[in-house]
Amino acid sequence: MTQPDVFDQKVLDQNIRDLQEWLRKAWQQLADPSLTAFSRRELRNQMKQCNADLRVQLQAASKRMLAQPAASGRTFAKPALRILA
């Protein structure tokens, strides 16, 4: 993994955490009884957009993880066997 890949992964992880935190706070704000119907509708629309953005970020992270080679260092090649008499 090259240095830009590590940076991209950190940025992707930070974006996911930020979107999750925003949604958490939006749910708390949605519970506020002083919100008007218009404000609730606007907040729900923003939450839908944020949810879609989060889904895209999570799919990108999933693709990145699947594309990475196994870091275990073990390969499953055909072993060299000998017949002992």
PDB file of N, CA and C in Angstrom:
ATOM      1  N   MET A   1       0.864  -1.177   0.000  1.00  0.00           N
ATOM      2  CA  MET A   1       0.000   0.000   0.000  1.00  0.00           C
ATOM      3  C   MET A   1       0.903   1.230   0.000  1.00  0.00           C
ATOM      4  N   THR A   2       0.669   2.120  -0.895  1.00  0.00           N
ATOM      5  CA  THR A   2       1.500   3.305  -1.000  1.00  0.00           C
ATOM      6  C   THR A   2       1.001   4.395  -0.063  1.00  0.00           C
ATOM      7  N   GLN A   3       1.796   5.414   0.092  1.00  0.00           N
ATOM      8  CA  GLN A   3       1.451   6.505   1.008  1.00  0.00           C
ATOM      9  C   GLN A   3       0.134   7.197   0.637  1.00  0.00           C
ATOM     10  N   PRO A   4      -0.119   7.531  -0.638  1.00  0.00           N
ATOM     11  CA  PRO A   4      -1.416   8.152  -0.963  1.00  0.00           C
ATOM     12  C   PRO A   4      -2.595   7.245  -0.636  1.00  0.00           C
ATOM     13  N   ASP A   5      -2.419   5.932  -0.766  1.00  0.00           N
ATOM     14  CA  ASP A   5      -3.502   5.009  -0.426  1.00  0.00           C
ATOM     15  C   ASP A   5      -3.832   5.081   1.056  1.00  0.00           C
ATOM     16  N   VAL A   6      -2.801   5.185   1.894  1.00  0.00           N
ATOM     17  CA  VAL A   6      -3.021   5.296   3.337  1.00  0.00           C
ATOM     18  C   VAL A   6      -3.748   6.597   3.640  1.00  0.00           C
ATOM     19  N   PHE A   7      -3.328   7.675   2.987  1.00  0.00           N
ATOM     20  CA  PHE A   7      -3.978   8.972   3.191  1.00  0.00           C
ATOM     21  C   PHE A   7      -5.433   8.910   2.748  1.00  0.00           C
ATOM     22  N   ASP A   8      -5.676   8.306   1.581  1.00  0.00           N
ATOM     23  CA  ASP A   8      -7.051   8.181   1.085  1.00  0.00           C
ATOM     24  C   ASP A   8      -7.909   7.371   2.045  1.00  0.00           C
ATOM     25  N   GLN A   9      -7.340   6.306   2.602  1.00  0.00           N
ATOM     26  CA  GLN A   9      -8.093   5.475   3.545  1.00  0.00           C
ATOM     27  C   GLN A   9      -8.436   6.269   4.801  1.00  0.00           C
ATOM     28  N   LYS A  10      -7.494   7.075   5.284  1.00  0.00           N
ATOM     29  CA  LYS A  10      -7.759   7.890   6.476  1.00  0.00           C
ATOM     30  C   LYS A  10      -8.839   8.929   6.194  1.00  0.00           C
ATOM     31  N   VAL A  11      -8.789   9.544   5.027  1.00  0.00           N
ATOM     32  CA  VAL A  11      -9.801  10.538   4.649  1.00  0.00           C
ATOM     33  C   VAL A  11     -11.167   9.869   4.533  1.00  0.00           C
ATOM     34  N   LEU A  12     -11.200   8.700   3.927  1.00  0.00           N
ATOM     35  CA  LEU A  12     -12.454   7.960   3.778  1.00  0.00           C
ATOM     36  C   LEU A  12     -13.029   7.590   5.143  1.00  0.00           C
ATOM     37  N   ASP A  13     -12.181   7.109   6.040  1.00  0.00           N
ATOM     38  CA  ASP A  13     -12.635   6.766   7.391  1.00  0.00           C
ATOM     39  C   ASP A  13     -13.152   7.994   8.132  1.00  0.00           C
ATOM     40  N   GLN A  14     -12.458   9.121   7.982  1.00  0.00           N
ATOM     41  CA  GLN A  14     -12.885  10.350   8.650  1.00  0.00           C
ATOM     42  C   GLN A  14     -14.226  10.835   8.096  1.00  0.00           C
ATOM     43  N   ASN A  15     -14.399  10.732   6.785  1.00  0.00           N
ATOM     44  CA  ASN A  15     -15.679  11.123   6.176  1.00  0.00           C
ATOM     45  C   ASN A  15     -16.820  10.271   6.715  1.00  0.00           C
ATOM     46  N   ILE A  16     -16.583   8.980   6.851  1.00  0.00           N
ATOM     47  CA  ILE A  16     -17.613   8.076   7.368  1.00  0.00           C
ATOM     48  C   ILE A  16     -17.964   8.449   8.799  1.00  0.00           C
ATOM     49  N   ARG A  17     -16.951   8.689   9.626  1.00  0.00           N
ATOM     50  CA  ARG A  17     -17.210   9.074  11.020  1.00  0.00           C
ATOM     51  C   ARG A  17     -17.956  10.402  11.100  1.00  0.00           C
ATOM     52  N   ASP A  18     -17.579  11.359  10.261  1.00  0.00           N
ATOM     53  CA  ASP A  18     -18.249  12.665  10.267  1.00  0.00           C
ATOM     54  C   ASP A  18     -19.724  12.539   9.872  1.00  0.00           C
ATOM     55  N   LEU A  19     -19.991  11.748   8.848  1.00  0.00           N
ATOM     56  CA  LEU A  19     -21.381  11.563   8.417  1.00  0.00           C
ATOM     57  C   LEU A  19     -22.204  10.844   9.487  1.00  0.00           C
ATOM     58  N   GLN A  20     -21.608   9.850  10.127  1.00  0.00           N
ATOM     59  CA  GLN A  20     -22.314   9.144  11.196  1.00  0.00           C
ATOM     60  C   GLN A  20     -22.615  10.088  12.361  1.00  0.00           C
ATOM     61  N   GLU A  21     -21.658  10.921  12.712  1.00  0.00           N
ATOM     62  CA  GLU A  21     -21.853  11.873  13.808  1.00  0.00           C
ATOM     63  C   GLU A  21     -22.933  12.895  13.446  1.00  0.00           C
ATOM     64  N   TRP A  22     -22.919  13.372  12.201  1.00  0.00           N
ATOM     65  CA  TRP A  22     -23.935  14.339  11.780  1.00  0.00           C
ATOM     66  C   TRP A  22     -25.324  13.721  11.876  1.00  0.00           C
ATOM     67  N   LEU A  23     -25.462  12.481  11.423  1.00  0.00           N
ATOM     68  CA  LEU A  23     -26.762  11.813  11.499  1.00  0.00           C
ATOM     69  C   LEU A  23     -27.207  11.622  12.946  1.00  0.00           C
ATOM     70  N   ARG A  24     -26.277  11.284  13.821  1.00  0.00           N
ATOM     71  CA  ARG A  24     -26.620  11.104  15.231  1.00  0.00           C
ATOM     72  C   ARG A  24     -27.166  12.402  15.816  1.00  0.00           C
ATOM     73  N   LYS A  25     -26.494  13.507  15.517  1.00  0.00           N
ATOM     74  CA  LYS A  25     -26.946  14.804  16.025  1.00  0.00           C
ATOM     75  C   LYS A  25     -28.266  15.229  15.379  1.00  0.00           C
ATOM     76  N   ALA A  26     -28.447  14.884  14.116  1.00  0.00           N
ATOM     77  CA  ALA A  26     -29.694  15.236  13.432  1.00  0.00           C
ATOM     78  C   ALA A  26     -30.875  14.504  14.060  1.00  0.00           C
ATOM     79  N   TRP A  27     -30.689  13.246  14.434  1.00  0.00           N
ATOM     80  CA  TRP A  27     -31.770  12.511  15.100  1.00  0.00           C
ATOM     81  C   TRP A  27     -32.124  13.157  16.432  1.00  0.00           C
ATOM     82  N   GLN A  28     -31.105  13.612  17.153  1.00  0.00           N
ATOM     83  CA  GLN A  28     -31.367  14.290  18.426  1.00  0.00           C
ATOM     84  C   GLN A  28     -32.126  15.591  18.188  1.00  0.00           C
ATOM     85  N   GLN A  29     -31.723  16.313  17.160  1.00  0.00           N
ATOM     86  CA  GLN A  29     -32.385  17.583  16.847  1.00  0.00           C
ATOM     87  C   GLN A  29     -33.820  17.345  16.379  1.00  0.00           C
ATOM     88  N   LEU A  30     -34.044  16.257  15.665  1.00  0.00           N
ATOM     89  CA  LEU A  30     -35.382  15.940  15.178  1.00  0.00           C
ATOM     90  C   LEU A  30     -36.348  15.665  16.332  1.00  0.00           C
ATOM     91  N   ALA A  31     -35.826  15.239  17.457  1.00  0.00           N
ATOM     92  CA  ALA A  31     -36.666  14.959  18.625  1.00  0.00           C
ATOM     93  C   ALA A  31     -37.099  16.230  19.351  1.00  0.00           C
ATOM     94  N   ASP A  32     -36.542  17.365  18.978  1.00  0.00           N
ATOM     95  CA  ASP A  32     -36.879  18.632  19.632  1.00  0.00           C
ATOM     96  C   ASP A  32     -38.319  19.025  19.289  1.00  0.00           C
ATOM     97  N   PRO A  33     -39.179  19.177  20.290  1.00  0.00           N
ATOM     98  CA  PRO A  33     -40.586  19.506  20.012  1.00  0.00           C
ATOM     99  C   PRO A  33     -40.794  20.934  19.509  1.00  0.00           C
ATOM    100  N   SER A  34     -39.794  21.788  19.637  1.00  0.00           N
ATOM    101  CA  SER A  34     -39.968  23.171  19.201  1.00  0.00           C
ATOM    102  C   SER A  34     -39.745  23.359  17.695  1.00  0.00           C
ATOM    103  N   LEU A  35     -39.351  22.309  16.982  1.00  0.00           N
ATOM    104  CA  LEU A  35     -39.152  22.426  15.536  1.00  0.00           C
ATOM    105  C   LEU A  35     -40.496  22.580  14.829  1.00  0.00           C
ATOM    106  N   THR A  36     -40.505  23.439  13.843  1.00  0.00           N
ATOM    107  CA  THR A  36     -41.719  23.604  13.042  1.00  0.00           C
ATOM    108  C   THR A  36     -41.816  22.450  12.037  1.00  0.00           C
ATOM    109  N   ALA A  37     -42.964  22.294  11.440  1.00  0.00           N
ATOM    110  CA  ALA A  37     -43.163  21.232  10.451  1.00  0.00           C
ATOM    111  C   ALA A  37     -42.209  21.414   9.270  1.00  0.00           C
ATOM    112  N   PHE A  38     -42.014  22.668   8.861  1.00  0.00           N
ATOM    113  CA  PHE A  38     -41.094  22.937   7.756  1.00  0.00           C
ATOM    114  C   PHE A  38     -39.664  22.549   8.132  1.00  0.00           C
ATOM    115  N   SER A  39     -39.243  22.907   9.348  1.00  0.00           N
ATOM    116  CA  SER A  39     -37.887  22.579   9.803  1.00  0.00           C
ATOM    117  C   SER A  39     -37.682  21.068   9.885  1.00  0.00           C
ATOM    118  N   ARG A  40     -38.682  20.362  10.360  1.00  0.00           N
ATOM    119  CA  ARG A  40     -38.601  18.895  10.424  1.00  0.00           C
ATOM    120  C   ARG A  40     -38.455  18.291   9.027  1.00  0.00           C
ATOM    121  N   ARG A  41     -39.249  18.793   8.102  1.00  0.00           N
ATOM    122  CA  ARG A  41     -39.202  18.284   6.733  1.00  0.00           C
ATOM    123  C   ARG A  41     -37.828  18.550   6.116  1.00  0.00           C
ATOM    124  N   GLU A  42     -37.312  19.758   6.307  1.00  0.00           N
ATOM    125  CA  GLU A  42     -35.992  20.092   5.775  1.00  0.00           C
ATOM    126  C   GLU A  42     -34.904  19.224   6.409  1.00  0.00           C
ATOM    127  N   LEU A  43     -34.997  19.025   7.713  1.00  0.00           N
ATOM    128  CA  LEU A  43     -34.007  18.194   8.402  1.00  0.00           C
ATOM    129  C   LEU A  43     -34.073  16.756   7.900  1.00  0.00           C
ATOM    130  N   ARG A  44     -35.265  16.231   7.711  1.00  0.00           N
ATOM    131  CA  ARG A  44     -35.401  14.865   7.188  1.00  0.00           C
ATOM    132  C   ARG A  44     -34.837  14.760   5.768  1.00  0.00           C
ATOM    133  N   ASN A  45     -35.042  15.785   4.952  1.00  0.00           N
ATOM    134  CA  ASN A  45     -34.469  15.781   3.604  1.00  0.00           C
ATOM    135  C   ASN A  45     -32.945  15.786   3.661  1.00  0.00           C
ATOM    136  N   GLN A  46     -32.381  16.586   4.553  1.00  0.00           N
ATOM    137  CA  GLN A  46     -30.930  16.613   4.714  1.00  0.00           C
ATOM    138  C   GLN A  46     -30.413  15.271   5.227  1.00  0.00           C
ATOM    139  N   MET A  47     -31.181  14.651   6.120  1.00  0.00           N
ATOM    140  CA  MET A  47     -30.785  13.345   6.650  1.00  0.00           C
ATOM    141  C   MET A  47     -30.792  12.286   5.545  1.00  0.00           C
ATOM    142  N   LYS A  48     -31.768  12.346   4.650  1.00  0.00           N
ATOM    143  CA  LYS A  48     -31.810  11.401   3.528  1.00  0.00           C
ATOM    144  C   LYS A  48     -30.587  11.571   2.641  1.00  0.00           C
ATOM    145  N   GLN A  49     -30.218  12.824   2.374  1.00  0.00           N
ATOM    146  CA  GLN A  49     -29.045  13.084   1.548  1.00  0.00           C
ATOM    147  C   GLN A  49     -27.779  12.605   2.246  1.00  0.00           C
ATOM    148  N   CYS A  50     -27.675  12.870   3.536  1.00  0.00           N
ATOM    149  CA  CYS A  50     -26.510  12.431   4.301  1.00  0.00           C
ATOM    150  C   CYS A  50     -26.437  10.907   4.335  1.00  0.00           C
ATOM    151  N   ASN A  51     -27.580  10.263   4.470  1.00  0.00           N
ATOM    152  CA  ASN A  51     -27.630   8.805   4.478  1.00  0.00           C
ATOM    153  C   ASN A  51     -27.152   8.241   3.137  1.00  0.00           C
ATOM    154  N   ALA A  52     -27.542   8.874   2.045  1.00  0.00           N
ATOM    155  CA  ALA A  52     -27.092   8.439   0.720  1.00  0.00           C
ATOM    156  C   ALA A  52     -25.582   8.638   0.578  1.00  0.00           C
ATOM    157  N   ASP A  53     -25.077   9.773   1.060  1.00  0.00           N
ATOM    158  CA  ASP A  53     -23.639  10.031   1.020  1.00  0.00           C
ATOM    159  C   ASP A  53     -22.877   9.004   1.855  1.00  0.00           C
ATOM    160  N   LEU A  54     -23.416   8.684   3.019  1.00  0.00           N
ATOM    161  CA  LEU A  54     -22.783   7.694   3.891  1.00  0.00           C
ATOM    162  C   LEU A  54     -22.754   6.334   3.201  1.00  0.00           C
ATOM    163  N   ARG A  55     -23.828   5.966   2.539  1.00  0.00           N
ATOM    164  CA  ARG A  55     -23.880   4.687   1.832  1.00  0.00           C
ATOM    165  C   ARG A  55     -22.797   4.626   0.757  1.00  0.00           C
ATOM    166  N   VAL A  56     -22.600   5.722   0.021  1.00  0.00           N
ATOM    167  CA  VAL A  56     -21.569   5.771  -1.019  1.00  0.00           C
ATOM    168  C   VAL A  56     -20.184   5.617  -0.396  1.00  0.00           C
ATOM    169  N   GLN A  57     -19.945   6.311   0.710  1.00  0.00           N
ATOM    170  CA  GLN A  57     -18.649   6.224   1.380  1.00  0.00           C
ATOM    171  C   GLN A  57     -18.388   4.807   1.898  1.00  0.00           C
ATOM    172  N   LEU A  58     -19.405   4.179   2.467  1.00  0.00           N
ATOM    173  CA  LEU A  58     -19.248   2.815   2.977  1.00  0.00           C
ATOM    174  C   LEU A  58     -18.997   1.822   1.842  1.00  0.00           C
ATOM    175  N   GLN A  59     -19.649   2.014   0.711  1.00  0.00           N
ATOM    176  CA  GLN A  59     -19.399   1.142  -0.438  1.00  0.00           C
ATOM    177  C   GLN A  59     -17.976   1.320  -0.951  1.00  0.00           C
ATOM    178  N   ALA A  60     -17.491   2.554  -0.965  1.00  0.00           N
ATOM    179  CA  ALA A  60     -16.117   2.811  -1.400  1.00  0.00           C
ATOM    180  C   ALA A  60     -15.130   2.149  -0.445  1.00  0.00           C
ATOM    181  N   ALA A  61     -15.398   2.227   0.851  1.00  0.00           N
ATOM    182  CA  ALA A  61     -14.519   1.589   1.833  1.00  0.00           C
ATOM    183  C   ALA A  61     -14.551   0.077   1.669  1.00  0.00           C
ATOM    184  N   SER A  62     -15.717  -0.463   1.399  1.00  0.00           N
ATOM    185  CA  SER A  62     -15.842  -1.905   1.205  1.00  0.00           C
ATOM    186  C   SER A  62     -15.064  -2.357  -0.029  1.00  0.00           C
ATOM    187  N   LYS A  63     -15.191  -1.625  -1.115  1.00  0.00           N
ATOM    188  CA  LYS A  63     -14.450  -1.963  -2.337  1.00  0.00           C
ATOM    189  C   LYS A  63     -12.951  -1.878  -2.098  1.00  0.00           C
ATOM    190  N   ARG A  64     -12.525  -0.877  -1.350  1.00  0.00           N
ATOM    191  CA  ARG A  64     -11.103  -0.709  -1.066  1.00  0.00           C
ATOM    192  C   ARG A  64     -10.583  -1.883  -0.239  1.00  0.00           C
ATOM    193  N   MET A  65     -11.370  -2.321   0.734  1.00  0.00           N
ATOM    194  CA  MET A  65     -10.939  -3.439   1.577  1.00  0.00           C
ATOM    195  C   MET A  65     -10.883  -4.736   0.776  1.00  0.00           C
ATOM    196  N   LEU A  66     -11.833  -4.938  -0.135  1.00  0.00           N
ATOM    197  CA  LEU A  66     -11.831  -6.151  -0.951  1.00  0.00           C
ATOM    198  C   LEU A  66     -10.688  -6.153  -1.957  1.00  0.00           C
ATOM    199  N   ALA A  67     -10.260  -4.987  -2.390  1.00  0.00           N
ATOM    200  CA  ALA A  67      -9.200  -4.885  -3.383  1.00  0.00           C
ATOM    201  C   ALA A  67      -7.811  -5.067  -2.781  1.00  0.00           C
ATOM    202  N   GLN A  68      -7.687  -4.915  -1.477  1.00  0.00           N
ATOM    203  CA  GLN A  68      -6.384  -5.048  -0.838  1.00  0.00           C
ATOM    204  C   GLN A  68      -5.986  -6.514  -0.771  1.00  0.00           C
ATOM    205  N   PRO A  69      -4.717  -6.801  -1.054  1.00  0.00           N
ATOM    206  CA  PRO A  69      -4.267  -8.188  -0.921  1.00  0.00           C
ATOM    207  C   PRO A  69      -4.193  -8.577   0.554  1.00  0.00           C
ATOM    208  N   ALA A  70      -4.237  -9.858   0.807  1.00  0.00           N
ATOM    209  CA  ALA A  70      -4.162 -10.342   2.187  1.00  0.00           C
ATOM    210  C   ALA A  70      -2.804  -9.977   2.767  1.00  0.00           C
ATOM    211  N   ALA A  71      -2.808  -9.400   3.941  1.00  0.00           N
ATOM    212  CA  ALA A  71      -1.570  -8.938   4.567  1.00  0.00           C
ATOM    213  C   ALA A  71      -0.958 -10.002   5.468  1.00  0.00           C
ATOM    214  N   SER A  72      -1.487 -11.201   5.462  1.00  0.00           N
ATOM    215  CA  SER A  72      -0.992 -12.229   6.366  1.00  0.00           C
ATOM    216  C   SER A  72       0.381 -12.739   5.954  1.00  0.00           C
ATOM    217  N   GLY A  73       0.740 -12.618   4.684  1.00  0.00           N
ATOM    218  CA  GLY A  73       2.039 -13.080   4.233  1.00  0.00           C
ATOM    219  C   GLY A  73       2.027 -14.564   3.887  1.00  0.00           C
ATOM    220  N   ARG A  74       0.963 -15.258   4.221  1.00  0.00           N
ATOM    221  CA  ARG A  74       0.871 -16.679   3.923  1.00  0.00           C
ATOM    222  C   ARG A  74       0.229 -16.852   2.556  1.00  0.00           C
ATOM    223  N   THR A  75       0.814 -17.718   1.784  1.00  0.00           N
ATOM    224  CA  THR A  75       0.228 -18.043   0.496  1.00  0.00           C
ATOM    225  C   THR A  75      -0.173 -19.508   0.511  1.00  0.00           C
ATOM    226  N   PHE A  76      -1.174 -19.817  -0.195  1.00  0.00           N
ATOM    227  CA  PHE A  76      -1.659 -21.182  -0.250  1.00  0.00           C
ATOM    228  C   PHE A  76      -1.264 -21.785  -1.594  1.00  0.00           C
ATOM    229  N   ALA A  77       0.003 -22.145  -1.677  1.00  0.00           N
ATOM    230  CA  ALA A  77       0.522 -22.761  -2.887  1.00  0.00           C
ATOM    231  C   ALA A  77       0.616 -24.270  -2.662  1.00  0.00           C
ATOM    232  N   LYS A  78       0.825 -24.978  -3.739  1.00  0.00           N
ATOM    233  CA  LYS A  78       0.952 -26.427  -3.644  1.00  0.00           C
ATOM    234  C   LYS A  78       2.249 -26.749  -2.901  1.00  0.00           C
ATOM    235  N   PRO A  79       2.165 -27.510  -1.819  1.00  0.00           N
ATOM    236  CA  PRO A  79       3.383 -27.810  -1.060  1.00  0.00           C
ATOM    237  C   PRO A  79       4.254 -28.825  -1.801  1.00  0.00           C
ATOM    238  N   ALA A  80       5.537 -28.711  -1.559  1.00  0.00           N
ATOM    239  CA  ALA A  80       6.479 -29.667  -2.135  1.00  0.00           C
ATOM    240  C   ALA A  80       6.503 -30.891  -1.226  1.00  0.00           C
ATOM    241  N   LEU A  81       5.945 -31.992  -1.708  1.00  0.00           N
ATOM    242  CA  LEU A  81       5.857 -33.211  -0.907  1.00  0.00           C
ATOM    243  C   LEU A  81       6.892 -34.227  -1.384  1.00  0.00           C
ATOM    244  N   ARG A  82       7.373 -35.010  -0.417  1.00  0.00           N
ATOM    245  CA  ARG A  82       8.306 -36.094  -0.736  1.00  0.00           C
ATOM    246  C   ARG A  82       7.710 -37.399  -0.233  1.00  0.00           C
ATOM    247  N   ILE A  83       7.966 -38.459  -0.946  1.00  0.00           N
ATOM    248  CA  ILE A  83       7.533 -39.780  -0.497  1.00  0.00           C
ATOM    249  C   ILE A  83       8.708 -40.414   0.216  1.00  0.00           C
ATOM    250  N   LEU A  84       8.503 -40.765   1.470  1.00  0.00           N
ATOM    251  CA  LEU A  84       9.547 -41.404   2.263  1.00  0.00           C
ATOM    252  C   LEU A  84       9.329 -42.915   2.231  1.00  0.00           C
ATOM    253  N   ALA A  85      10.406 -43.645   2.003  1.00  0.00           N
ATOM    254  CA  ALA A  85      10.272 -45.107   1.950  1.00  0.00           C
ATOM    255  C   ALA A  85      10.753 -45.763   3.218  1.00  0.00           C
TER     256      ALA A  85
END
